[in-house]
PDB file of N, CA and C in Angstrom:
ATOM      1  N   UNK A   1       1.140  -0.928   0.037  1.00  0.00           N
ATOM      2  CA  UNK A   1      -0.207   0.021  -0.139  1.00  0.00           C
ATOM      3  C   UNK A   1       0.921   0.981   0.077  1.00  0.00           C
ATOM      4  N   UNK A   2       0.595   2.196  -0.585  1.00  0.00           N
ATOM      5  CA  UNK A   2       1.307   3.520  -1.062  1.00  0.00           C
ATOM      6  C   UNK A   2       0.696   4.444  -0.231  1.00  0.00           C
ATOM      7  N   UNK A   3       1.485   5.516   0.483  1.00  0.00           N
ATOM      8  CA  UNK A   3       0.533   6.879   1.135  1.00  0.00           C
ATOM      9  C   UNK A   3      -0.459   6.891   0.039  1.00  0.00           C
ATOM     10  N   UNK A   4      -0.363   7.636  -0.828  1.00  0.00           N
ATOM     11  CA  UNK A   4      -1.307   8.248  -1.835  1.00  0.00           C
ATOM     12  C   UNK A   4      -2.689   7.189  -1.715  1.00  0.00           C
ATOM     13  N   UNK A   5      -2.491   5.761  -2.113  1.00  0.00           N
ATOM     14  CA  UNK A   5      -3.575   4.883  -2.222  1.00  0.00           C
ATOM     15  C   UNK A   5      -4.245   5.152  -0.761  1.00  0.00           C
ATOM     16  N   UNK A   6      -3.335   4.662   0.505  1.00  0.00           N
ATOM     17  CA  UNK A   6      -3.916   5.378   1.776  1.00  0.00           C
ATOM     18  C   UNK A   6      -5.290   6.443   1.876  1.00  0.00           C
ATOM     19  N   UNK A   7      -4.383   7.218   1.176  1.00  0.00           N
ATOM     20  CA  UNK A   7      -5.017   8.832   1.709  1.00  0.00           C
ATOM     21  C   UNK A   7      -6.528   8.584   0.973  1.00  0.00           C
ATOM     22  N   UNK A   8      -6.741   7.769  -0.117  1.00  0.00           N
ATOM     23  CA  UNK A   8      -7.918   8.247  -0.637  1.00  0.00           C
ATOM     24  C   UNK A   8      -8.761   7.202  -0.048  1.00  0.00           C
ATOM     25  N   UNK A   9      -7.904   6.435   0.432  1.00  0.00           N
ATOM     26  CA  UNK A   9      -9.658   4.749   1.007  1.00  0.00           C
ATOM     27  C   UNK A   9      -9.602   5.058   2.416  1.00  0.00           C
ATOM     28  N   UNK A  10      -8.798   5.383   3.192  1.00  0.00           N
ATOM     29  CA  UNK A  10      -9.137   5.685   4.506  1.00  0.00           C
ATOM     30  C   UNK A  10     -10.291   6.385   5.015  1.00  0.00           C
ATOM     31  N   UNK A  11     -10.993   7.570   4.479  1.00  0.00           N
ATOM     32  CA  UNK A  11     -12.246   7.646   4.864  1.00  0.00           C
ATOM     33  C   UNK A  11     -13.491   6.995   4.307  1.00  0.00           C
ATOM     34  N   UNK A  12     -13.300   6.219   3.239  1.00  0.00           N
ATOM     35  CA  UNK A  12     -14.047   5.025   2.598  1.00  0.00           C
ATOM     36  C   UNK A  12     -14.076   4.118   3.838  1.00  0.00           C
ATOM     37  N   UNK A  13     -12.995   3.441   3.912  1.00  0.00           N
ATOM     38  CA  UNK A  13     -12.670   2.647   5.247  1.00  0.00           C
ATOM     39  C   UNK A  13     -13.390   2.936   6.408  1.00  0.00           C
ATOM     40  N   UNK A  14     -13.400   4.282   6.767  1.00  0.00           N
ATOM     41  CA  UNK A  14     -13.816   4.489   8.534  1.00  0.00           C
ATOM     42  C   UNK A  14     -15.313   4.545   7.966  1.00  0.00           C
ATOM     43  N   UNK A  15     -15.585   5.425   6.954  1.00  0.00           N
ATOM     44  CA  UNK A  15     -16.970   4.869   7.011  1.00  0.00           C
ATOM     45  C   UNK A  15     -18.054   3.815   7.138  1.00  0.00           C
ATOM     46  N   UNK A  16     -17.268   2.624   6.355  1.00  0.00           N
ATOM     47  CA  UNK A  16     -17.873   1.729   6.195  1.00  0.00           C
ATOM     48  C   UNK A  16     -17.850   0.610   7.529  1.00  0.00           C
ATOM     49  N   UNK A  17     -17.030   1.278   8.179  1.00  0.00           N
ATOM     50  CA  UNK A  17     -16.399   0.596   9.850  1.00  0.00           C
ATOM     51  C   UNK A  17     -17.424   1.028  10.674  1.00  0.00           C
ATOM     52  N   UNK A  18     -18.528   2.346   9.897  1.00  0.00           N
ATOM     53  CA  UNK A  18     -19.012   3.319  11.446  1.00  0.00           C
ATOM     54  C   UNK A  18     -18.513   3.920  11.711  1.00  0.00           C
ATOM     55  N   UNK A  19     -17.884   5.283  10.833  1.00  0.00           N
ATOM     56  CA  UNK A  19     -16.955   5.961  12.087  1.00  0.00           C
ATOM     57  C   UNK A  19     -17.670   7.287  10.828  1.00  0.00           C
ATOM     58  N   UNK A  20     -17.592   8.163  11.373  1.00  0.00           N
ATOM     59  CA  UNK A  20     -17.778   9.583  10.796  1.00  0.00           C
ATOM     60  C   UNK A  20     -16.543  10.205  10.197  1.00  0.00           C
ATOM     61  N   UNK A  21     -15.963  11.008   9.546  1.00  0.00           N
ATOM     62  CA  UNK A  21     -14.604  11.802   9.355  1.00  0.00           C
ATOM     63  C   UNK A  21     -14.317  12.172   9.605  1.00  0.00           C
ATOM     64  N   UNK A  22     -14.547  12.733  11.370  1.00  0.00           N
ATOM     65  CA  UNK A  22     -14.005  13.187  12.950  1.00  0.00           C
ATOM     66  C   UNK A  22     -12.946  12.444  13.314  1.00  0.00           C
ATOM     67  N   UNK A  23     -11.906  12.093  12.409  1.00  0.00           N
ATOM     68  CA  UNK A  23     -10.634  11.243  12.945  1.00  0.00           C
ATOM     69  C   UNK A  23      -9.056  12.087  13.476  1.00  0.00           C
ATOM     70  N   UNK A  24      -8.661  11.827  13.914  1.00  0.00           N
ATOM     71  CA  UNK A  24      -7.008  11.716  13.845  1.00  0.00           C
ATOM     72  C   UNK A  24      -5.979  11.213  13.068  1.00  0.00           C
ATOM     73  N   UNK A  25      -5.482  11.525  12.416  1.00  0.00           N
ATOM     74  CA  UNK A  25      -4.473  10.753  10.809  1.00  0.00           C
ATOM     75  C   UNK A  25      -2.719  11.134  11.791  1.00  0.00           C
ATOM     76  N   UNK A  26      -2.177  10.114  12.314  1.00  0.00           N
ATOM     77  CA  UNK A  26      -0.725  10.142  12.535  1.00  0.00           C
ATOM     78  C   UNK A  26       0.351   9.416  11.877  1.00  0.00           C
ATOM     79  N   UNK A  27       1.201  10.178  10.722  1.00  0.00           N
ATOM     80  CA  UNK A  27       2.286   9.138  10.359  1.00  0.00           C
ATOM     81  C   UNK A  27       3.171   8.643  11.199  1.00  0.00           C
ATOM     82  N   UNK A  28       3.158   7.248  11.045  1.00  0.00           N
ATOM     83  CA  UNK A  28       4.262   6.533  12.314  1.00  0.00           C
ATOM     84  C   UNK A  28       5.832   6.174  11.921  1.00  0.00           C
ATOM     85  N   UNK A  29       6.629   6.460  12.064  1.00  0.00           N
ATOM     86  CA  UNK A  29       8.133   6.256  11.583  1.00  0.00           C
ATOM     87  C   UNK A  29       8.171   5.008  12.736  1.00  0.00           C
ATOM     88  N   UNK A  30       8.092   3.814  12.597  1.00  0.00           N
ATOM     89  CA  UNK A  30       8.604   2.845  14.133  1.00  0.00           C
ATOM     90  C   UNK A  30       9.979   2.070  13.584  1.00  0.00           C
ATOM     91  N   UNK A  31      10.679   2.368  14.440  1.00  0.00           N
ATOM     92  CA  UNK A  31      11.959   1.307  14.284  1.00  0.00           C
ATOM     93  C   UNK A  31      11.484   0.005  14.958  1.00  0.00           C
ATOM     94  N   UNK A  32      11.917  -1.200  14.104  1.00  0.00           N
ATOM     95  CA  UNK A  32      12.002  -2.465  14.853  1.00  0.00           C
ATOM     96  C   UNK A  32      13.211  -2.752  14.560  1.00  0.00           C
ATOM     97  N   UNK A  33      13.518  -3.585  15.993  1.00  0.00           N
ATOM     98  CA  UNK A  33      14.811  -4.160  15.975  1.00  0.00           C
ATOM     99  C   UNK A  33      15.039  -5.982  15.088  1.00  0.00           C
ATOM    100  N   UNK A  34      15.978  -6.304  15.227  1.00  0.00           N
ATOM    101  CA  UNK A  34      16.270  -7.320  14.326  1.00  0.00           C
ATOM    102  C   UNK A  34      16.011  -8.421  15.103  1.00  0.00           C
ATOM    103  N   UNK A  35      15.310  -9.567  14.477  1.00  0.00           N
ATOM    104  CA  UNK A  35      15.020 -10.740  15.652  1.00  0.00           C
ATOM    105  C   UNK A  35      14.121  -9.926  16.758  1.00  0.00           C
ATOM    106  N   UNK A  36      13.841  -9.373  17.036  1.00  0.00           N
ATOM    107  CA  UNK A  36      13.015  -9.403  18.377  1.00  0.00           C
ATOM    108  C   UNK A  36      11.637  -8.323  18.139  1.00  0.00           C
ATOM    109  N   UNK A  37      10.853  -9.408  18.293  1.00  0.00           N
ATOM    110  CA  UNK A  37       9.368  -8.700  18.443  1.00  0.00           C
ATOM    111  C   UNK A  37       9.084  -7.672  18.514  1.00  0.00           C
ATOM    112  N   UNK A  38       8.019  -6.686  18.156  1.00  0.00           N
ATOM    113  CA  UNK A  38       8.020  -5.593  18.718  1.00  0.00           C
ATOM    114  C   UNK A  38       6.168  -5.602  18.682  1.00  0.00           C
ATOM    115  N   UNK A  39       5.590  -5.078  20.228  1.00  0.00           N
ATOM    116  CA  UNK A  39       4.336  -5.312  20.084  1.00  0.00           C
ATOM    117  C   UNK A  39       3.858  -3.895  20.164  1.00  0.00           C
ATOM    118  N   UNK A  40       2.842  -3.976  19.250  1.00  0.00           N
ATOM    119  CA  UNK A  40       1.759  -2.369  19.139  1.00  0.00           C
ATOM    120  C   UNK A  40       0.585  -2.490  19.750  1.00  0.00           C
ATOM    121  N   UNK A  41      -0.247  -1.841  20.691  1.00  0.00           N
ATOM    122  CA  UNK A  41      -1.432  -1.989  21.502  1.00  0.00           C
ATOM    123  C   UNK A  41      -2.215  -0.888  20.749  1.00  0.00           C
ATOM    124  N   UNK A  42      -3.321  -1.550  19.627  1.00  0.00           N
ATOM    125  CA  UNK A  42      -4.021  -0.390  19.383  1.00  0.00           C
ATOM    126  C   UNK A  42      -5.143  -0.380  19.189  1.00  0.00           C
ATOM    127  N   UNK A  43      -6.357  -0.593  20.554  1.00  0.00           N
ATOM    128  CA  UNK A  43      -7.372  -0.881  20.225  1.00  0.00           C
ATOM    129  C   UNK A  43      -8.319   0.227  20.227  1.00  0.00           C
ATOM    130  N   UNK A  44      -7.836   1.472  20.547  1.00  0.00           N
ATOM    131  CA  UNK A  44      -8.402   2.314  19.572  1.00  0.00           C
ATOM    132  C   UNK A  44      -8.015   3.064  18.609  1.00  0.00           C
ATOM    133  N   UNK A  45      -7.067   2.546  17.901  1.00  0.00           N
ATOM    134  CA  UNK A  45      -7.230   3.092  16.185  1.00  0.00           C
ATOM    135  C   UNK A  45      -7.064   1.936  15.219  1.00  0.00           C
ATOM    136  N   UNK A  46      -6.519   2.375  14.305  1.00  0.00           N
ATOM    137  CA  UNK A  46      -6.447   1.089  12.915  1.00  0.00           C
ATOM    138  C   UNK A  46      -4.971   1.681  12.248  1.00  0.00           C
ATOM    139  N   UNK A  47      -3.910   0.834  12.063  1.00  0.00           N
ATOM    140  CA  UNK A  47      -3.016   1.109  11.361  1.00  0.00           C
ATOM    141  C   UNK A  47      -2.752   0.268  10.139  1.00  0.00           C
ATOM    142  N   UNK A  48      -2.619   1.468   9.008  1.00  0.00           N
ATOM    143  CA  UNK A  48      -2.108   0.995   8.061  1.00  0.00           C
ATOM    144  C   UNK A  48      -1.018   0.866   7.350  1.00  0.00           C
ATOM    145  N   UNK A  49      -0.353  -0.017   7.220  1.00  0.00           N
ATOM    146  CA  UNK A  49       1.023  -0.237   6.759  1.00  0.00           C
ATOM    147  C   UNK A  49       1.165  -0.048   5.427  1.00  0.00           C
ATOM    148  N   UNK A  50       2.153   0.943   5.242  1.00  0.00           N
ATOM    149  CA  UNK A  50       2.929   1.852   4.534  1.00  0.00           C
ATOM    150  C   UNK A  50       3.704   1.036   3.696  1.00  0.00           C
ATOM    151  N   UNK A  51       4.900   0.208   4.288  1.00  0.00           N
ATOM    152  CA  UNK A  51       5.918   0.197   3.682  1.00  0.00           C
ATOM    153  C   UNK A  51       6.927   0.119   4.776  1.00  0.00           C
ATOM    154  N   UNK A  52       8.282  -0.278   4.070  1.00  0.00           N
ATOM    155  CA  UNK A  52       8.374  -1.109   3.278  1.00  0.00           C
ATOM    156  C   UNK A  52       8.056  -1.582   3.312  1.00  0.00           C
ATOM    157  N   UNK A  53       8.190  -2.514   2.149  1.00  0.00           N
ATOM    158  CA  UNK A  53       7.605  -4.150   2.142  1.00  0.00           C
ATOM    159  C   UNK A  53       8.992  -5.548   2.112  1.00  0.00           C
ATOM    160  N   UNK A  54       9.563  -5.972   2.749  1.00  0.00           N
ATOM    161  CA  UNK A  54      10.327  -7.011   2.997  1.00  0.00           C
ATOM    162  C   UNK A  54       9.798  -7.740   3.011  1.00  0.00           C
ATOM    163  N   UNK A  55      10.659  -8.702   2.645  1.00  0.00           N
ATOM    164  CA  UNK A  55      10.202 -10.550   2.830  1.00  0.00           C
ATOM    165  C   UNK A  55      10.500 -10.931   3.713  1.00  0.00           C
ATOM    166  N   UNK A  56      11.426 -10.576   4.700  1.00  0.00           N
ATOM    167  CA  UNK A  56      11.453 -11.079   6.265  1.00  0.00           C
ATOM    168  C   UNK A  56      10.839 -10.641   6.828  1.00  0.00           C
ATOM    169  N   UNK A  57       9.773  -9.535   7.245  1.00  0.00           N
ATOM    170  CA  UNK A  57       9.338  -8.897   7.720  1.00  0.00           C
ATOM    171  C   UNK A  57       7.694  -9.793   7.639  1.00  0.00           C
ATOM    172  N   UNK A  58       7.321  -9.306   9.201  1.00  0.00           N
ATOM    173  CA  UNK A  58       5.851 -10.460   9.772  1.00  0.00           C
ATOM    174  C   UNK A  58       5.041  -9.274  10.399  1.00  0.00           C
ATOM    175  N   UNK A  59       4.075  -8.564   9.824  1.00  0.00           N
ATOM    176  CA  UNK A  59       2.880  -8.252  10.743  1.00  0.00           C
ATOM    177  C   UNK A  59       2.000  -8.878  10.834  1.00  0.00           C
ATOM    178  N   UNK A  60       1.501  -8.970  12.237  1.00  0.00           N
ATOM    179  CA  UNK A  60       0.410 -10.046  12.773  1.00  0.00           C
ATOM    180  C   UNK A  60      -0.793  -8.988  13.486  1.00  0.00           C
ATOM    181  N   UNK A  61      -1.755  -9.085  13.678  1.00  0.00           N
ATOM    182  CA  UNK A  61      -2.606  -8.968  14.230  1.00  0.00           C
ATOM    183  C   UNK A  61      -4.185  -9.397  14.177  1.00  0.00           C
ATOM    184  N   UNK A  62      -4.922  -9.153  15.010  1.00  0.00           N
ATOM    185  CA  UNK A  62      -6.322 -10.238  15.073  1.00  0.00           C
ATOM    186  C   UNK A  62      -6.912  -9.556  13.386  1.00  0.00           C
ATOM    187  N   UNK A  63      -7.021  -8.660  12.482  1.00  0.00           N
ATOM    188  CA  UNK A  63      -7.082  -8.635  11.057  1.00  0.00           C
ATOM    189  C   UNK A  63      -6.683  -8.954  10.281  1.00  0.00           C
ATOM    190  N   UNK A  64      -5.333  -9.966  10.426  1.00  0.00           N
ATOM    191  CA  UNK A  64      -4.718 -10.630   9.187  1.00  0.00           C
ATOM    192  C   UNK A  64      -3.333 -10.911   9.727  1.00  0.00           C
ATOM    193  N   UNK A  65      -2.261 -10.916   8.483  1.00  0.00           N
ATOM    194  CA  UNK A  65      -0.951 -11.093   8.679  1.00  0.00           C
ATOM    195  C   UNK A  65      -0.624 -10.467   7.562  1.00  0.00           C
ATOM    196  N   UNK A  66       0.583 -10.045   7.455  1.00  0.00           N
ATOM    197  CA  UNK A  66       1.361  -9.338   6.426  1.00  0.00           C
ATOM    198  C   UNK A  66       2.982 -10.112   6.171  1.00  0.00           C
ATOM    199  N   UNK A  67       3.351 -11.396   5.665  1.00  0.00           N
ATOM    200  CA  UNK A  67       4.502 -11.889   5.399  1.00  0.00           C
ATOM    201  C   UNK A  67       4.730 -12.231   3.598  1.00  0.00           C
ATOM    202  N   UNK A  68       5.370 -11.494   3.366  1.00  0.00           N
ATOM    203  CA  UNK A  68       5.324 -12.024   1.778  1.00  0.00           C
ATOM    204  C   UNK A  68       6.118 -13.453   1.840  1.00  0.00           C
ATOM    205  N   UNK A  69       6.517 -13.915   2.807  1.00  0.00           N
ATOM    206  CA  UNK A  69       7.185 -15.517   2.323  1.00  0.00           C
ATOM    207  C   UNK A  69       6.461 -16.580   2.766  1.00  0.00           C
ATOM    208  N   UNK A  70       5.506 -16.114   3.800  1.00  0.00           N
ATOM    209  CA  UNK A  70       4.384 -17.479   3.763  1.00  0.00           C
ATOM    210  C   UNK A  70       2.783 -17.446   2.892  1.00  0.00           C
ATOM    211  N   UNK A  71       3.417 -18.517   2.340  1.00  0.00           N
ATOM    212  CA  UNK A  71       2.612 -18.519   0.663  1.00  0.00           C
ATOM    213  C   UNK A  71       1.290 -18.729   1.130  1.00  0.00           C
ATOM    214  N   UNK A  72       1.095 -19.729   2.322  1.00  0.00           N
ATOM    215  CA  UNK A  72      -0.419 -20.422   2.638  1.00  0.00           C
ATOM    216  C   UNK A  72      -1.301 -18.954   3.100  1.00  0.00           C
ATOM    217  N   UNK A  73      -0.818 -17.676   2.922  1.00  0.00           N
ATOM    218  CA  UNK A  73      -2.061 -16.524   3.122  1.00  0.00           C
ATOM    219  C   UNK A  73      -2.136 -16.128   1.877  1.00  0.00           C
ATOM    220  N   UNK A  74      -3.546 -16.295   1.729  1.00  0.00           N
ATOM    221  CA  UNK A  74      -4.565 -15.970   0.169  1.00  0.00           C
ATOM    222  C   UNK A  74      -3.880 -13.971   0.323  1.00  0.00           C
ATOM    223  N   UNK A  75      -4.166 -13.376   1.015  1.00  0.00           N
ATOM    224  CA  UNK A  75      -3.705 -11.769   0.496  1.00  0.00           C
ATOM    225  C   UNK A  75      -2.963 -11.166   1.707  1.00  0.00           C
ATOM    226  N   UNK A  76      -2.425 -10.809   1.278  1.00  0.00           N
ATOM    227  CA  UNK A  76      -1.606  -9.924   2.615  1.00  0.00           C
ATOM    228  C   UNK A  76      -2.230  -8.641   2.885  1.00  0.00           C
ATOM    229  N   UNK A  77      -2.178  -8.456   4.232  1.00  0.00           N
ATOM    230  CA  UNK A  77      -3.449  -7.870   4.858  1.00  0.00           C
ATOM    231  C   UNK A  77      -2.304  -6.550   5.392  1.00  0.00           C
ATOM    232  N   UNK A  78      -2.952  -5.552   4.935  1.00  0.00           N
ATOM    233  CA  UNK A  78      -2.176  -4.045   5.219  1.00  0.00           C
ATOM    234  C   UNK A  78      -2.982  -3.157   6.890  1.00  0.00           C
ATOM    235  N   UNK A  79      -4.356  -3.536   6.698  1.00  0.00           N
ATOM    236  CA  UNK A  79      -4.685  -3.119   7.798  1.00  0.00           C
ATOM    237  C   UNK A  79      -4.527  -3.787   9.398  1.00  0.00           C
ATOM    238  N   UNK A  80      -4.635  -3.301   9.653  1.00  0.00           N
ATOM    239  CA  UNK A  80      -4.111  -3.924  11.146  1.00  0.00           C
ATOM    240  C   UNK A  80      -4.919  -3.051  12.571  1.00  0.00           C
ATOM    241  N   UNK A  81      -5.124  -3.405  13.752  1.00  0.00           N
ATOM    242  CA  UNK A  81      -5.780  -3.270  14.922  1.00  0.00           C
ATOM    243  C   UNK A  81      -5.519  -4.477  16.109  1.00  0.00           C
ATOM    244  N   UNK A  82      -5.940  -3.740  17.255  1.00  0.00           N
ATOM    245  CA  UNK A  82      -5.742  -4.407  18.379  1.00  0.00           C
ATOM    246  C   UNK A  82      -4.591  -4.946  18.996  1.00  0.00           C
ATOM    247  N   UNK A  83      -4.232  -5.977  18.929  1.00  0.00           N
ATOM    248  CA  UNK A  83      -2.458  -5.866  19.545  1.00  0.00           C
ATOM    249  C   UNK A  83      -2.065  -6.849  17.935  1.00  0.00           C
ATOM    250  N   UNK A  84      -0.842  -5.702  17.497  1.00  0.00           N
ATOM    251  CA  UNK A  84       0.091  -5.758  16.652  1.00  0.00           C
ATOM    252  C   UNK A  84       1.298  -6.224  16.848  1.00  0.00           C
ATOM    253  N   UNK A  85       1.892  -7.698  16.616  1.00  0.00           N
ATOM    254  CA  UNK A  85       3.238  -8.006  16.655  1.00  0.00           C
ATOM    255  C   UNK A  85       4.167  -7.977  15.025  1.00  0.00           C
ATOM    256  N   UNK A  86       5.067  -7.352  15.266  1.00  0.00           N
ATOM    257  CA  UNK A  86       6.045  -7.214  14.178  1.00  0.00           C
ATOM    258  C   UNK A  86       7.119  -7.973  14.397  1.00  0.00           C
ATOM    259  N   UNK A  87       7.528  -8.716  13.920  1.00  0.00           N
ATOM    260  CA  UNK A  87       8.614  -8.897  13.682  1.00  0.00           C
ATOM    261  C   UNK A  87       9.787  -9.116  12.141  1.00  0.00           C
ATOM    262  N   UNK A  88      11.175  -8.452  13.136  1.00  0.00           N
ATOM    263  CA  UNK A  88      11.585  -8.759  11.544  1.00  0.00           C
ATOM    264  C   UNK A  88      13.250  -9.436  11.901  1.00  0.00           C
ATOM    265  N   UNK A  89      12.979 -10.370  10.732  1.00  0.00           N
ATOM    266  CA  UNK A  89      14.250 -11.766  10.755  1.00  0.00           C
ATOM    267  C   UNK A  89      15.103 -10.994   9.395  1.00  0.00           C
ATOM    268  N   UNK A  90      15.236 -10.204   8.689  1.00  0.00           N
ATOM    269  CA  UNK A  90      15.938  -9.047   7.555  1.00  0.00           C
ATOM    270  C   UNK A  90      17.235  -9.643   8.152  1.00  0.00           C
ATOM    271  N   UNK A  91      17.956  -9.121   9.511  1.00  0.00           N
ATOM    272  CA  UNK A  91      19.139  -9.687   9.337  1.00  0.00           C
ATOM    273  C   UNK A  91      19.550  -7.944   9.919  1.00  0.00           C
ATOM    274  N   UNK A  92      19.009  -6.824   9.801  1.00  0.00           N
ATOM    275  CA  UNK A  92      19.381  -5.585   9.524  1.00  0.00           C
ATOM    276  C   UNK A  92      17.986  -4.642  10.732  1.00  0.00           C
ATOM    277  N   UNK A  93      18.888  -3.560  11.539  1.00  0.00           N
ATOM    278  CA  UNK A  93      17.530  -3.151  12.140  1.00  0.00           C
ATOM    279  C   UNK A  93      16.906  -2.399  10.921  1.00  0.00           C
ATOM    280  N   UNK A  94      15.044  -2.383  10.949  1.00  0.00           N
ATOM    281  CA  UNK A  94      14.405  -1.275   9.826  1.00  0.00           C
ATOM    282  C   UNK A  94      13.743  -0.396  10.907  1.00  0.00           C
ATOM    283  N   UNK A  95      13.128   0.429   9.935  1.00  0.00           N
ATOM    284  CA  UNK A  95      12.739   1.674  10.403  1.00  0.00           C
ATOM    285  C   UNK A  95      11.106   1.174   8.709  1.00  0.00           C
ATOM    286  N   UNK A  96      10.084   1.125  10.025  1.00  0.00           N
ATOM    287  CA  UNK A  96       9.090   0.559   9.329  1.00  0.00           C
ATOM    288  C   UNK A  96       7.603   2.022   9.317  1.00  0.00           C
ATOM    289  N   UNK A  97       6.759   2.390   8.341  1.00  0.00           N
ATOM    290  CA  UNK A  97       5.872   3.250   8.054  1.00  0.00           C
ATOM    291  C   UNK A  97       4.481   2.707   8.431  1.00  0.00           C
ATOM    292  N   UNK A  98       3.488   3.255   9.167  1.00  0.00           N
ATOM    293  CA  UNK A  98       2.160   2.871   9.397  1.00  0.00           C
ATOM    294  C   UNK A  98       1.656   4.472   9.306  1.00  0.00           C
ATOM    295  N   UNK A  99       0.322   4.159   8.574  1.00  0.00           N
ATOM    296  CA  UNK A  99      -0.510   5.366   9.184  1.00  0.00           C
ATOM    297  C   UNK A  99      -1.187   5.327  10.015  1.00  0.00           C
ATOM    298  N   UNK A 100      -1.399   6.393  11.150  1.00  0.00           N
ATOM    299  CA  UNK A 100      -2.305   5.687  12.247  1.00  0.00           C
ATOM    300  C   UNK A 100      -3.517   6.659  12.229  1.00  0.00           C
ATOM    301  N   UNK A 101      -4.864   5.852  12.546  1.00  0.00           N
ATOM    302  CA  UNK A 101      -6.018   6.442  12.038  1.00  0.00           C
ATOM    303  C   UNK A 101      -6.719   6.479  13.344  1.00  0.00           C
ATOM    304  N   UNK A 102      -6.846   7.791  14.210  1.00  0.00           N
ATOM    305  CA  UNK A 102      -7.391   7.205  15.732  1.00  0.00           C
ATOM    306  C   UNK A 102      -9.018   7.744  15.085  1.00  0.00           C
ATOM    307  N   UNK A 103     -10.391   7.284  15.743  1.00  0.00           N
ATOM    308  CA  UNK A 103     -11.454   7.541  15.423  1.00  0.00           C
ATOM    309  C   UNK A 103     -12.167   8.536  16.190  1.00  0.00           C
ATOM    310  N   UNK A 104     -12.599   9.533  16.158  1.00  0.00           N
ATOM    311  CA  UNK A 104     -12.969  10.171  17.371  1.00  0.00           C
ATOM    312  C   UNK A 104     -14.050   9.867  17.759  1.00  0.00           C
ATOM    313  N   UNK A 105     -15.674   9.716  16.622  1.00  0.00           N
ATOM    314  CA  UNK A 105     -16.860   9.483  16.786  1.00  0.00           C
ATOM    315  C   UNK A 105     -17.247   8.351  15.971  1.00  0.00           C
ATOM    316  N   UNK A 106     -18.363   7.704  16.511  1.00  0.00           N
ATOM    317  CA  UNK A 106     -19.196   6.693  15.664  1.00  0.00           C
ATOM    318  C   UNK A 106     -20.134   7.563  15.061  1.00  0.00           C
ATOM    319  N   UNK A 107     -20.604   7.265  13.758  1.00  0.00           N
ATOM    320  CA  UNK A 107     -22.197   7.623  12.987  1.00  0.00           C
ATOM    321  C   UNK A 107     -23.108   7.713  14.116  1.00  0.00           C
ATOM    322  N   UNK A 108     -23.132   9.030  14.618  1.00  0.00           N
ATOM    323  CA  UNK A 108     -24.618   8.455  15.058  1.00  0.00           C
ATOM    324  C   UNK A 108     -26.150   8.610  13.909  1.00  0.00           C
ATOM    325  N   UNK A 109     -26.954   7.023  14.690  1.00  0.00           N
ATOM    326  CA  UNK A 109     -28.065   7.032  13.493  1.00  0.00           C
ATOM    327  C   UNK A 109     -29.366   7.015  13.720  1.00  0.00           C
TER     328      UNK A 109
END
């Protein structure tokens, strides 16, 4: 997912999830140590993985998995929420980018 697509997709996706257009958007540039899992607790927000896409990078959450080496996955998930675990097996430290969306209110019906 690239940032231009994400910026166009996010308003539509939030509406599908029952949120209005009142939300905070944060650019998250996160350091991921090699071979050491990193955990993010994102109960109140939605994280959209922007990149970079490395073959030895695994992102797992209740929404699904992003892992280019796992051929048993039918779809690489870029949208994550809840407890996110990121594993970096590249052999080098990485910085990865997410857009974090924090909805302020739900749609009143």
